[in-house]
Amino acid sequence: MESVSKSGRDVSAATILSVIGGALMIAGGLGGLYMYSAWNQFGMPGWGSMMGGWGMPAGAFLGIMAGTSIISLVAGGVVVAGSYFIHTKPESSREWGVGILVASIAGLFGMGGFLIGPILGIIGGILALTKK
């Protein structure tokens, strides 16, 4: 999977993996924000005692959930933008590879992308760094 040629323009494996990883991170972040808004709007029936058992109020749980979703959205956006610039400006693939790698590691902490998204982004970032 060195490169895919379409109409004379090569698409590298780093670009493909990074786009897929970033899209998964964005989807995970949007899903988390949707869950946050639904629970915040309609309440969390049955979760009150469970949160108390964990020693965490429900509001803190929702705040953490919203924060990690936002991290996932931002990291996914950086990964998708970086993969675009790797494709359009191959001479700057090392710089964008570093950005993709850092954003993908941050995406791991945001728990977005169903875990496979940040892993694909890390692989894509490494491939971009090693690109000749």
Protein backbone atom coordinates (compact mmCIF):
# COMPACT_ATOMS: atom_id res chain seq x y z
CA MET A 1 0.00 0.00 0.00
CA GLU A 2 2.71 2.42 -1.04
CA SER A 3 0.48 4.80 -2.95
CA VAL A 4 -2.78 4.87 -4.82
CA SER A 5 -2.80 6.70 -8.14
CA LYS A 6 -5.89 8.52 -9.32
CA SER A 7 -5.72 10.92 -12.23
CA GLY A 8 -1.95 11.27 -12.01
CA ARG A 9 -1.85 12.25 -8.33
CA ASP A 10 -0.46 9.84 -5.75
CA VAL A 11 -2.25 9.34 -2.45
CA SER A 12 0.11 7.98 0.18
CA ALA A 13 -0.74 5.45 2.85
CA ALA A 14 -0.05 8.14 5.46
CA THR A 15 -2.80 10.30 3.96
CA ILE A 16 -5.33 7.48 3.75
CA LEU A 17 -4.72 6.19 7.28
CA SER A 18 -4.73 9.71 8.74
CA VAL A 19 -7.99 10.67 7.04
CA ILE A 20 -9.71 7.50 8.27
CA GLY A 21 -8.30 7.93 11.79
CA GLY A 22 -9.27 11.61 11.94
CA ALA A 23 -12.78 10.89 10.67
CA LEU A 24 -13.22 8.22 13.34
CA MET A 25 -12.03 10.66 16.02
CA ILE A 26 -14.47 13.29 14.80
CA ALA A 27 -17.30 10.74 14.75
CA GLY A 28 -16.43 9.62 18.28
CA GLY A 29 -16.33 13.20 19.51
CA LEU A 30 -19.67 14.03 17.92
CA GLY A 31 -21.19 10.88 19.43
CA GLY A 32 -19.89 11.83 22.86
CA LEU A 33 -21.29 15.36 22.57
CA TYR A 34 -24.62 13.91 21.46
CA MET A 35 -24.71 11.67 24.53
CA TYR A 36 -23.73 14.62 26.72
CA SER A 37 -26.52 16.79 25.33
CA ALA A 38 -29.11 14.02 25.60
CA TRP A 39 -28.19 13.24 29.20
CA ASN A 40 -27.96 16.91 30.09
CA GLN A 41 -31.34 17.68 28.52
CA PHE A 42 -33.35 14.67 29.67
CA GLY A 43 -31.50 13.82 32.84
CA MET A 44 -29.82 10.58 33.70
CA PRO A 45 -32.52 8.31 35.11
CA GLY A 46 -31.05 5.56 37.21
CA TRP A 47 -27.56 7.04 37.18
CA GLY A 48 -27.81 9.15 40.33
CA SER A 49 -27.06 6.40 42.82
CA MET A 50 -24.43 4.89 40.55
CA MET A 51 -22.54 8.17 40.38
CA GLY A 52 -22.79 8.53 44.13
CA GLY A 53 -21.35 5.04 44.49
CA TRP A 54 -18.35 6.10 42.43
CA GLY A 55 -17.88 9.16 44.58
CA MET A 56 -18.45 11.41 41.57
CA PRO A 57 -21.44 13.70 41.12
CA ALA A 58 -23.31 13.30 37.85
CA GLY A 59 -22.39 16.84 36.79
CA ALA A 60 -18.67 16.08 37.06
CA PHE A 61 -19.13 12.95 34.97
CA LEU A 62 -20.94 14.96 32.29
CA GLY A 63 -18.24 17.63 32.36
CA ILE A 64 -15.50 15.05 31.85
CA MET A 65 -17.51 13.47 29.05
CA ALA A 66 -17.95 16.82 27.29
CA GLY A 67 -14.26 17.68 27.74
CA THR A 68 -13.01 14.41 26.29
CA SER A 69 -15.43 14.74 23.38
CA ILE A 70 -14.10 18.20 22.58
CA ILE A 71 -10.51 16.91 22.76
CA SER A 72 -11.47 14.16 20.33
CA LEU A 73 -13.12 16.63 17.93
CA VAL A 74 -10.15 19.01 17.90
CA ALA A 75 -7.61 16.19 17.55
CA GLY A 76 -9.62 14.65 14.70
CA GLY A 77 -9.80 18.00 12.94
CA VAL A 78 -6.04 18.48 13.21
CA VAL A 79 -5.43 14.95 11.88
CA VAL A 80 -7.75 15.46 8.89
CA ALA A 81 -6.22 18.88 8.14
CA GLY A 82 -2.72 17.42 8.45
CA SER A 83 -3.53 14.60 6.07
CA TYR A 84 -4.88 17.14 3.57
CA PHE A 85 -1.66 19.13 3.72
CA ILE A 86 0.45 15.97 3.41
CA HIS A 87 -1.42 15.24 0.20
CA THR A 88 -1.33 18.75 -1.25
CA LYS A 89 2.17 19.75 -0.04
CA PRO A 90 4.28 16.60 0.17
CA GLU A 91 7.41 18.63 0.93
CA SER A 92 5.95 19.52 4.34
CA SER A 93 4.98 15.96 5.24
CA ARG A 94 7.45 15.79 8.14
CA GLU A 95 5.97 18.83 9.88
CA TRP A 96 2.43 17.66 9.40
CA GLY A 97 3.44 14.15 10.41
CA VAL A 98 4.52 15.52 13.79
CA GLY A 99 1.20 17.37 14.09
CA ILE A 100 -0.76 14.25 13.22
CA LEU A 101 1.25 12.20 15.70
CA VAL A 102 0.75 14.69 18.56
CA ALA A 103 -2.96 15.12 17.80
CA SER A 104 -3.46 11.35 17.61
CA ILE A 105 -1.79 10.85 20.98
CA ALA A 106 -4.07 13.57 22.40
CA GLY A 107 -6.98 11.73 20.76
CA LEU A 108 -6.06 8.67 22.80
CA PHE A 109 -6.56 10.72 25.97
CA GLY A 110 -9.84 12.04 24.59
CA MET A 111 -10.96 8.42 24.14
CA GLY A 112 -12.47 9.30 20.79
CA GLY A 113 -12.37 7.44 17.54
CA PHE A 114 -13.29 4.11 19.07
CA LEU A 115 -9.58 3.62 19.93
CA ILE A 116 -8.82 2.58 16.35
CA GLY A 117 -8.98 6.20 15.12
CA PRO A 118 -6.02 7.46 17.17
CA ILE A 119 -4.08 4.27 16.41
CA LEU A 120 -4.56 4.80 12.66
CA GLY A 121 -3.55 8.44 13.12
CA ILE A 122 -0.37 7.43 14.95
CA ILE A 123 0.52 4.98 12.18
CA GLY A 124 -0.24 7.64 9.54
CA GLY A 125 1.89 10.20 11.40
CA ILE A 126 4.81 7.78 11.62
CA LEU A 127 4.49 6.99 7.91
CA ALA A 128 4.48 10.72 7.12
CA LEU A 129 7.62 11.21 9.22
CA THR A 130 9.45 8.40 7.44
CA LYS A 131 8.30 9.50 3.98
CA LYS A 132 11.16 10.31 1.61
